Amino acid sequence: MAEISGDLRVAHVLRQWPDTYEVFCRFGCPDMRRGFFAFMARVMPLRWAARVHKIPLDELLRELNERAHRAIT
């Protein structure tokens, strides 16, 4: 399995691992599947999203990777 890194775009992560949406919600991110936020998700790397939403990047990446790994197994 590929590792989710801070350089990946938010939309790519959501497309590749749809179950990660719950992680974003738990951290208080808006619904990035619709409207303006969907556009931003296509251009915004995870590290920027974490900074904008004041989420520790290492914590976000750890939880995203855990959820993506669980979805595969």
PDB file of N, CA and C in Angstrom:
ATOM      1  N   MET A   1       0.833  -1.181   0.000  1.00  0.00           N
ATOM      2  CA  MET A   1       0.000   0.000   0.000  1.00  0.00           C
ATOM      3  C   MET A   1       0.878   1.245   0.000  1.00  0.00           C
ATOM      4  N   ALA A   2       0.481   2.218  -0.776  1.00  0.00           N
ATOM      5  CA  ALA A   2       1.201   3.494  -0.796  1.00  0.00           C
ATOM      6  C   ALA A   2       0.927   4.251   0.496  1.00  0.00           C
ATOM      7  N   GLU A   3       1.915   4.968   0.948  1.00  0.00           N
ATOM      8  CA  GLU A   3       1.792   5.768   2.170  1.00  0.00           C
ATOM      9  C   GLU A   3       1.196   7.133   1.829  1.00  0.00           C
ATOM     10  N   ILE A   4       0.274   7.586   2.657  1.00  0.00           N
ATOM     11  CA  ILE A   4      -0.280   8.932   2.498  1.00  0.00           C
ATOM     12  C   ILE A   4       0.729   9.901   3.091  1.00  0.00           C
ATOM     13  N   SER A   5       1.124  10.888   2.286  1.00  0.00           N
ATOM     14  CA  SER A   5       2.112  11.868   2.741  1.00  0.00           C
ATOM     15  C   SER A   5       1.519  13.274   2.650  1.00  0.00           C
ATOM     16  N   GLY A   6       2.185  14.214   3.266  1.00  0.00           N
ATOM     17  CA  GLY A   6       1.735  15.596   3.274  1.00  0.00           C
ATOM     18  C   GLY A   6       1.734  16.253   1.911  1.00  0.00           C
ATOM     19  N   ASP A   7       2.424  15.658   0.946  1.00  0.00           N
ATOM     20  CA  ASP A   7       2.494  16.232  -0.397  1.00  0.00           C
ATOM     21  C   ASP A   7       1.316  15.835  -1.284  1.00  0.00           C
ATOM     22  N   LEU A   8       0.547  14.845  -0.878  1.00  0.00           N
ATOM     23  CA  LEU A   8      -0.603  14.421  -1.678  1.00  0.00           C
ATOM     24  C   LEU A   8      -1.725  15.446  -1.580  1.00  0.00           C
ATOM     25  N   ARG A   9      -2.438  15.615  -2.657  1.00  0.00           N
ATOM     26  CA  ARG A   9      -3.593  16.513  -2.674  1.00  0.00           C
ATOM     27  C   ARG A   9      -4.742  15.861  -1.895  1.00  0.00           C
ATOM     28  N   VAL A  10      -5.520  16.687  -1.224  1.00  0.00           N
ATOM     29  CA  VAL A  10      -6.646  16.194  -0.421  1.00  0.00           C
ATOM     30  C   VAL A  10      -7.610  15.385  -1.285  1.00  0.00           C
ATOM     31  N   ALA A  11      -7.948  15.896  -2.467  1.00  0.00           N
ATOM     32  CA  ALA A  11      -8.897  15.200  -3.349  1.00  0.00           C
ATOM     33  C   ALA A  11      -8.375  13.826  -3.762  1.00  0.00           C
ATOM     34  N   HIS A  12      -7.076  13.715  -3.989  1.00  0.00           N
ATOM     35  CA  HIS A  12      -6.489  12.422  -4.346  1.00  0.00           C
ATOM     36  C   HIS A  12      -6.679  11.426  -3.208  1.00  0.00           C
ATOM     37  N   VAL A  13      -6.420  11.867  -1.993  1.00  0.00           N
ATOM     38  CA  VAL A  13      -6.582  10.983  -0.825  1.00  0.00           C
ATOM     39  C   VAL A  13      -8.038  10.537  -0.712  1.00  0.00           C
ATOM     40  N   LEU A  14      -8.972  11.455  -0.868  1.00  0.00           N
ATOM     41  CA  LEU A  14     -10.388  11.110  -0.760  1.00  0.00           C
ATOM     42  C   LEU A  14     -10.840  10.166  -1.874  1.00  0.00           C
ATOM     43  N   ARG A  15     -10.291  10.344  -3.069  1.00  0.00           N
ATOM     44  CA  ARG A  15     -10.628   9.453  -4.187  1.00  0.00           C
ATOM     45  C   ARG A  15     -10.042   8.062  -3.983  1.00  0.00           C
ATOM     46  N   GLN A  16      -8.776   8.028  -3.595  1.00  0.00           N
ATOM     47  CA  GLN A  16      -8.062   6.752  -3.457  1.00  0.00           C
ATOM     48  C   GLN A  16      -8.540   5.957  -2.239  1.00  0.00           C
ATOM     49  N   TRP A  17      -8.815   6.665  -1.151  1.00  0.00           N
ATOM     50  CA  TRP A  17      -9.211   6.034   0.115  1.00  0.00           C
ATOM     51  C   TRP A  17     -10.446   6.754   0.661  1.00  0.00           C
ATOM     52  N   PRO A  18     -11.638   6.470   0.131  1.00  0.00           N
ATOM     53  CA  PRO A  18     -12.854   7.188   0.533  1.00  0.00           C
ATOM     54  C   PRO A  18     -13.139   7.134   2.042  1.00  0.00           C
ATOM     55  N   ASP A  19     -12.721   6.076   2.703  1.00  0.00           N
ATOM     56  CA  ASP A  19     -12.967   5.962   4.148  1.00  0.00           C
ATOM     57  C   ASP A  19     -12.238   7.031   4.952  1.00  0.00           C
ATOM     58  N   THR A  20     -11.249   7.686   4.361  1.00  0.00           N
ATOM     59  CA  THR A  20     -10.517   8.721   5.091  1.00  0.00           C
ATOM     60  C   THR A  20     -11.368   9.969   5.307  1.00  0.00           C
ATOM     61  N   TYR A  21     -12.490  10.070   4.620  1.00  0.00           N
ATOM     62  CA  TYR A  21     -13.365  11.229   4.793  1.00  0.00           C
ATOM     63  C   TYR A  21     -13.740  11.412   6.265  1.00  0.00           C
ATOM     64  N   GLU A  22     -13.990  10.306   6.956  1.00  0.00           N
ATOM     65  CA  GLU A  22     -14.358  10.365   8.372  1.00  0.00           C
ATOM     66  C   GLU A  22     -13.249  10.979   9.217  1.00  0.00           C
ATOM     67  N   VAL A  23     -12.006  10.743   8.848  1.00  0.00           N
ATOM     68  CA  VAL A  23     -10.876  11.325   9.583  1.00  0.00           C
ATOM     69  C   VAL A  23     -10.896  12.841   9.424  1.00  0.00           C
ATOM     70  N   PHE A  24     -11.082  13.310   8.201  1.00  0.00           N
ATOM     71  CA  PHE A  24     -11.151  14.755   7.971  1.00  0.00           C
ATOM     72  C   PHE A  24     -12.291  15.376   8.789  1.00  0.00           C
ATOM     73  N   CYS A  25     -13.445  14.725   8.806  1.00  0.00           N
ATOM     74  CA  CYS A  25     -14.591  15.235   9.572  1.00  0.00           C
ATOM     75  C   CYS A  25     -14.264  15.302  11.059  1.00  0.00           C
ATOM     76  N   ARG A  26     -13.640  14.280  11.585  1.00  0.00           N
ATOM     77  CA  ARG A  26     -13.303  14.236  13.002  1.00  0.00           C
ATOM     78  C   ARG A  26     -12.368  15.391  13.388  1.00  0.00           C
ATOM     79  N   PHE A  27     -11.517  15.802  12.465  1.00  0.00           N
ATOM     80  CA  PHE A  27     -10.611  16.924  12.722  1.00  0.00           C
ATOM     81  C   PHE A  27     -11.270  18.278  12.466  1.00  0.00           C
ATOM     82  N   GLY A  28     -12.545  18.284  12.063  1.00  0.00           N
ATOM     83  CA  GLY A  28     -13.267  19.533  11.887  1.00  0.00           C
ATOM     84  C   GLY A  28     -13.144  20.172  10.514  1.00  0.00           C
ATOM     85  N   CYS A  29     -12.687  19.428   9.534  1.00  0.00           N
ATOM     86  CA  CYS A  29     -12.589  19.963   8.169  1.00  0.00           C
ATOM     87  C   CYS A  29     -13.986  20.044   7.545  1.00  0.00           C
ATOM     88  N   PRO A  30     -14.210  21.002   6.654  1.00  0.00           N
ATOM     89  CA  PRO A  30     -15.507  21.103   5.971  1.00  0.00           C
ATOM     90  C   PRO A  30     -15.669  19.959   4.967  1.00  0.00           C
ATOM     91  N   ASP A  31     -16.879  19.803   4.450  1.00  0.00           N
ATOM     92  CA  ASP A  31     -17.150  18.768   3.452  1.00  0.00           C
ATOM     93  C   ASP A  31     -16.426  19.132   2.166  1.00  0.00           C
ATOM     94  N   MET A  32     -15.343  18.426   1.883  1.00  0.00           N
ATOM     95  CA  MET A  32     -14.498  18.735   0.734  1.00  0.00           C
ATOM     96  C   MET A  32     -14.932  17.991  -0.523  1.00  0.00           C
ATOM     97  N   ARG A  33     -16.133  17.441  -0.502  1.00  0.00           N
ATOM     98  CA  ARG A  33     -16.628  16.726  -1.674  1.00  0.00           C
ATOM     99  C   ARG A  33     -17.527  17.595  -2.538  1.00  0.00           C
ATOM    100  N   ARG A  34     -17.891  18.793  -2.045  1.00  0.00           N
ATOM    101  CA  ARG A  34     -18.841  19.638  -2.769  1.00  0.00           C
ATOM    102  C   ARG A  34     -18.410  21.108  -2.770  1.00  0.00           C
ATOM    103  N   GLY A  35     -18.885  21.824  -3.782  1.00  0.00           N
ATOM    104  CA  GLY A  35     -18.735  23.270  -3.838  1.00  0.00           C
ATOM    105  C   GLY A  35     -17.302  23.771  -3.844  1.00  0.00           C
ATOM    106  N   PHE A  36     -17.114  24.928  -3.230  1.00  0.00           N
ATOM    107  CA  PHE A  36     -15.817  25.587  -3.194  1.00  0.00           C
ATOM    108  C   PHE A  36     -14.748  24.699  -2.566  1.00  0.00           C
ATOM    109  N   PHE A  37     -15.104  23.989  -1.511  1.00  0.00           N
ATOM    110  CA  PHE A  37     -14.118  23.158  -0.825  1.00  0.00           C
ATOM    111  C   PHE A  37     -13.675  21.975  -1.694  1.00  0.00           C
ATOM    112  N   ALA A  38     -14.532  21.515  -2.590  1.00  0.00           N
ATOM    113  CA  ALA A  38     -14.138  20.455  -3.524  1.00  0.00           C
ATOM    114  C   ALA A  38     -13.065  20.974  -4.468  1.00  0.00           C
ATOM    115  N   PHE A  39     -13.229  22.211  -4.922  1.00  0.00           N
ATOM    116  CA  PHE A  39     -12.211  22.825  -5.770  1.00  0.00           C
ATOM    117  C   PHE A  39     -10.891  22.952  -5.003  1.00  0.00           C
ATOM    118  N   MET A  40     -10.962  23.458  -3.791  1.00  0.00           N
ATOM    119  CA  MET A  40      -9.755  23.634  -2.979  1.00  0.00           C
ATOM    120  C   MET A  40      -9.068  22.292  -2.712  1.00  0.00           C
ATOM    121  N   ALA A  41      -9.850  21.239  -2.511  1.00  0.00           N
ATOM    122  CA  ALA A  41      -9.283  19.911  -2.246  1.00  0.00           C
ATOM    123  C   ALA A  41      -8.460  19.416  -3.438  1.00  0.00           C
ATOM    124  N   ARG A  42      -8.831  19.828  -4.645  1.00  0.00           N
ATOM    125  CA  ARG A  42      -8.086  19.398  -5.836  1.00  0.00           C
ATOM    126  C   ARG A  42      -6.717  20.053  -5.926  1.00  0.00           C
ATOM    127  N   VAL A  43      -6.574  21.242  -5.357  1.00  0.00           N
ATOM    128  CA  VAL A  43      -5.303  21.963  -5.477  1.00  0.00           C
ATOM    129  C   VAL A  43      -4.487  21.980  -4.180  1.00  0.00           C
ATOM    130  N   MET A  44      -5.088  21.605  -3.064  1.00  0.00           N
ATOM    131  CA  MET A  44      -4.437  21.759  -1.759  1.00  0.00           C
ATOM    132  C   MET A  44      -3.785  20.465  -1.272  1.00  0.00           C
ATOM    133  N   PRO A  45      -2.468  20.507  -1.046  1.00  0.00           N
ATOM    134  CA  PRO A  45      -1.803  19.352  -0.440  1.00  0.00           C
ATOM    135  C   PRO A  45      -2.233  19.195   1.025  1.00  0.00           C
ATOM    136  N   LEU A  46      -2.116  18.006   1.531  1.00  0.00           N
ATOM    137  CA  LEU A  46      -2.496  17.732   2.917  1.00  0.00           C
ATOM    138  C   LEU A  46      -1.789  18.649   3.910  1.00  0.00           C
ATOM    139  N   ARG A  47      -0.513  18.935   3.676  1.00  0.00           N
ATOM    140  CA  ARG A  47       0.224  19.771   4.636  1.00  0.00           C
ATOM    141  C   ARG A  47      -0.366  21.171   4.709  1.00  0.00           C
ATOM    142  N   TRP A  48      -0.877  21.697   3.600  1.00  0.00           N
ATOM    143  CA  TRP A  48      -1.523  23.016   3.625  1.00  0.00           C
ATOM    144  C   TRP A  48      -2.855  22.929   4.361  1.00  0.00           C
ATOM    145  N   ALA A  49      -3.617  21.877   4.063  1.00  0.00           N
ATOM    146  CA  ALA A  49      -4.920  21.699   4.715  1.00  0.00           C
ATOM    147  C   ALA A  49      -4.742  21.608   6.231  1.00  0.00           C
ATOM    148  N   ALA A  50      -3.728  20.874   6.670  1.00  0.00           N
ATOM    149  CA  ALA A  50      -3.471  20.750   8.103  1.00  0.00           C
ATOM    150  C   ALA A  50      -3.148  22.121   8.697  1.00  0.00           C
ATOM    151  N   ARG A  51      -2.337  22.881   8.018  1.00  0.00           N
ATOM    152  CA  ARG A  51      -1.959  24.213   8.512  1.00  0.00           C
ATOM    153  C   ARG A  51      -3.180  25.136   8.585  1.00  0.00           C
ATOM    154  N   VAL A  52      -3.986  25.154   7.528  1.00  0.00           N
ATOM    155  CA  VAL A  52      -5.168  26.024   7.472  1.00  0.00           C
ATOM    156  C   VAL A  52      -6.148  25.693   8.601  1.00  0.00           C
ATOM    157  N   HIS A  53      -6.312  24.408   8.880  1.00  0.00           N
ATOM    158  CA  HIS A  53      -7.286  23.976   9.892  1.00  0.00           C
ATOM    159  C   HIS A  53      -6.657  23.763  11.271  1.00  0.00           C
ATOM    160  N   LYS A  54      -5.377  24.146  11.395  1.00  0.00           N
ATOM    161  CA  LYS A  54      -4.654  24.052  12.673  1.00  0.00           C
ATOM    162  C   LYS A  54      -4.673  22.627  13.243  1.00  0.00           C
ATOM    163  N   ILE A  55      -4.346  21.686  12.359  1.00  0.00           N
ATOM    164  CA  ILE A  55      -4.275  20.269  12.722  1.00  0.00           C
ATOM    165  C   ILE A  55      -2.808  19.866  12.676  1.00  0.00           C
ATOM    166  N   PRO A  56      -2.299  19.203  13.713  1.00  0.00           N
ATOM    167  CA  PRO A  56      -0.913  18.716  13.643  1.00  0.00           C
ATOM    168  C   PRO A  56      -0.768  17.729  12.479  1.00  0.00           C
ATOM    169  N   LEU A  57       0.126  18.032  11.545  1.00  0.00           N
ATOM    170  CA  LEU A  57       0.282  17.220  10.338  1.00  0.00           C
ATOM    171  C   LEU A  57       0.596  15.769  10.662  1.00  0.00           C
ATOM    172  N   ASP A  58       1.507  15.528  11.601  1.00  0.00           N
ATOM    173  CA  ASP A  58       1.870  14.144  11.909  1.00  0.00           C
ATOM    174  C   ASP A  58       0.681  13.351  12.443  1.00  0.00           C
ATOM    175  N   GLU A  59      -0.167  13.999  13.216  1.00  0.00           N
ATOM    176  CA  GLU A  59      -1.362  13.335  13.745  1.00  0.00           C
ATOM    177  C   GLU A  59      -2.352  13.022  12.620  1.00  0.00           C
ATOM    178  N   LEU A  60      -2.564  13.992  11.731  1.00  0.00           N
ATOM    179  CA  LEU A  60      -3.468  13.787  10.600  1.00  0.00           C
ATOM    180  C   LEU A  60      -2.973  12.651   9.714  1.00  0.00           C
ATOM    181  N   LEU A  61      -1.698  12.661   9.373  1.00  0.00           N
ATOM    182  CA  LEU A  61      -1.142  11.619   8.503  1.00  0.00           C
ATOM    183  C   LEU A  61      -1.225  10.247   9.152  1.00  0.00           C
ATOM    184  N   ARG A  62      -0.949  10.174  10.442  1.00  0.00           N
ATOM    185  CA  ARG A  62      -1.024   8.889  11.150  1.00  0.00           C
ATOM    186  C   ARG A  62      -2.438   8.321  11.062  1.00  0.00           C
ATOM    187  N   GLU A  63      -3.429   9.157  11.354  1.00  0.00           N
ATOM    188  CA  GLU A  63      -4.814   8.674  11.324  1.00  0.00           C
ATOM    189  C   GLU A  63      -5.296   8.355   9.914  1.00  0.00           C
ATOM    190  N   LEU A  64      -4.886   9.163   8.934  1.00  0.00           N
ATOM    191  CA  LEU A  64      -5.267   8.872   7.549  1.00  0.00           C
ATOM    192  C   LEU A  64      -4.673   7.543   7.096  1.00  0.00           C
ATOM    193  N   ASN A  65      -3.410   7.313   7.408  1.00  0.00           N
ATOM    194  CA  ASN A  65      -2.771   6.052   7.013  1.00  0.00           C
ATOM    195  C   ASN A  65      -3.381   4.856   7.734  1.00  0.00           C
ATOM    196  N   GLU A  66      -3.720   5.020   9.003  1.00  0.00           N
ATOM    197  CA  GLU A  66      -4.377   3.929   9.731  1.00  0.00           C
ATOM    198  C   GLU A  66      -5.710   3.586   9.089  1.00  0.00           C
ATOM    199  N   ARG A  67      -6.504   4.611   8.752  1.00  0.00           N
ATOM    200  CA  ARG A  67      -7.815   4.371   8.154  1.00  0.00           C
ATOM    201  C   ARG A  67      -7.676   3.759   6.773  1.00  0.00           C
ATOM    202  N   ALA A  68      -6.738   4.248   5.978  1.00  0.00           N
ATOM    203  CA  ALA A  68      -6.535   3.699   4.633  1.00  0.00           C
ATOM    204  C   ALA A  68      -6.085   2.248   4.710  1.00  0.00           C
ATOM    205  N   HIS A  69      -5.217   1.934   5.654  1.00  0.00           N
ATOM    206  CA  HIS A  69      -4.741   0.559   5.803  1.00  0.00           C
ATOM    207  C   HIS A  69      -5.884  -0.362   6.227  1.00  0.00           C
ATOM    208  N   ARG A  70      -6.735   0.087   7.146  1.00  0.00           N
ATOM    209  CA  ARG A  70      -7.873  -0.729   7.598  1.00  0.00           C
ATOM    210  C   ARG A  70      -8.845  -0.990   6.456  1.00  0.00           C
ATOM    211  N   ALA A  71      -9.014  -0.007   5.566  1.00  0.00           N
ATOM    212  CA  ALA A  71      -9.946  -0.160   4.446  1.00  0.00           C
ATOM    213  C   ALA A  71      -9.473  -1.233   3.469  1.00  0.00           C
ATOM    214  N   ILE A  72      -8.160  -1.433   3.389  1.00  0.00           N
ATOM    215  CA  ILE A  72      -7.608  -2.400   2.453  1.00  0.00           C
ATOM    216  C   ILE A  72      -7.644  -3.811   3.031  1.00  0.00           C
ATOM    217  N   THR A  73      -7.416  -3.930   4.324  1.00  0.00           N
ATOM    218  CA  THR A  73      -7.359  -5.266   4.936  1.00  0.00           C
ATOM    219  C   THR A  73      -8.694  -5.755   5.383  1.00  0.00           C
TER     220      THR A  73
END
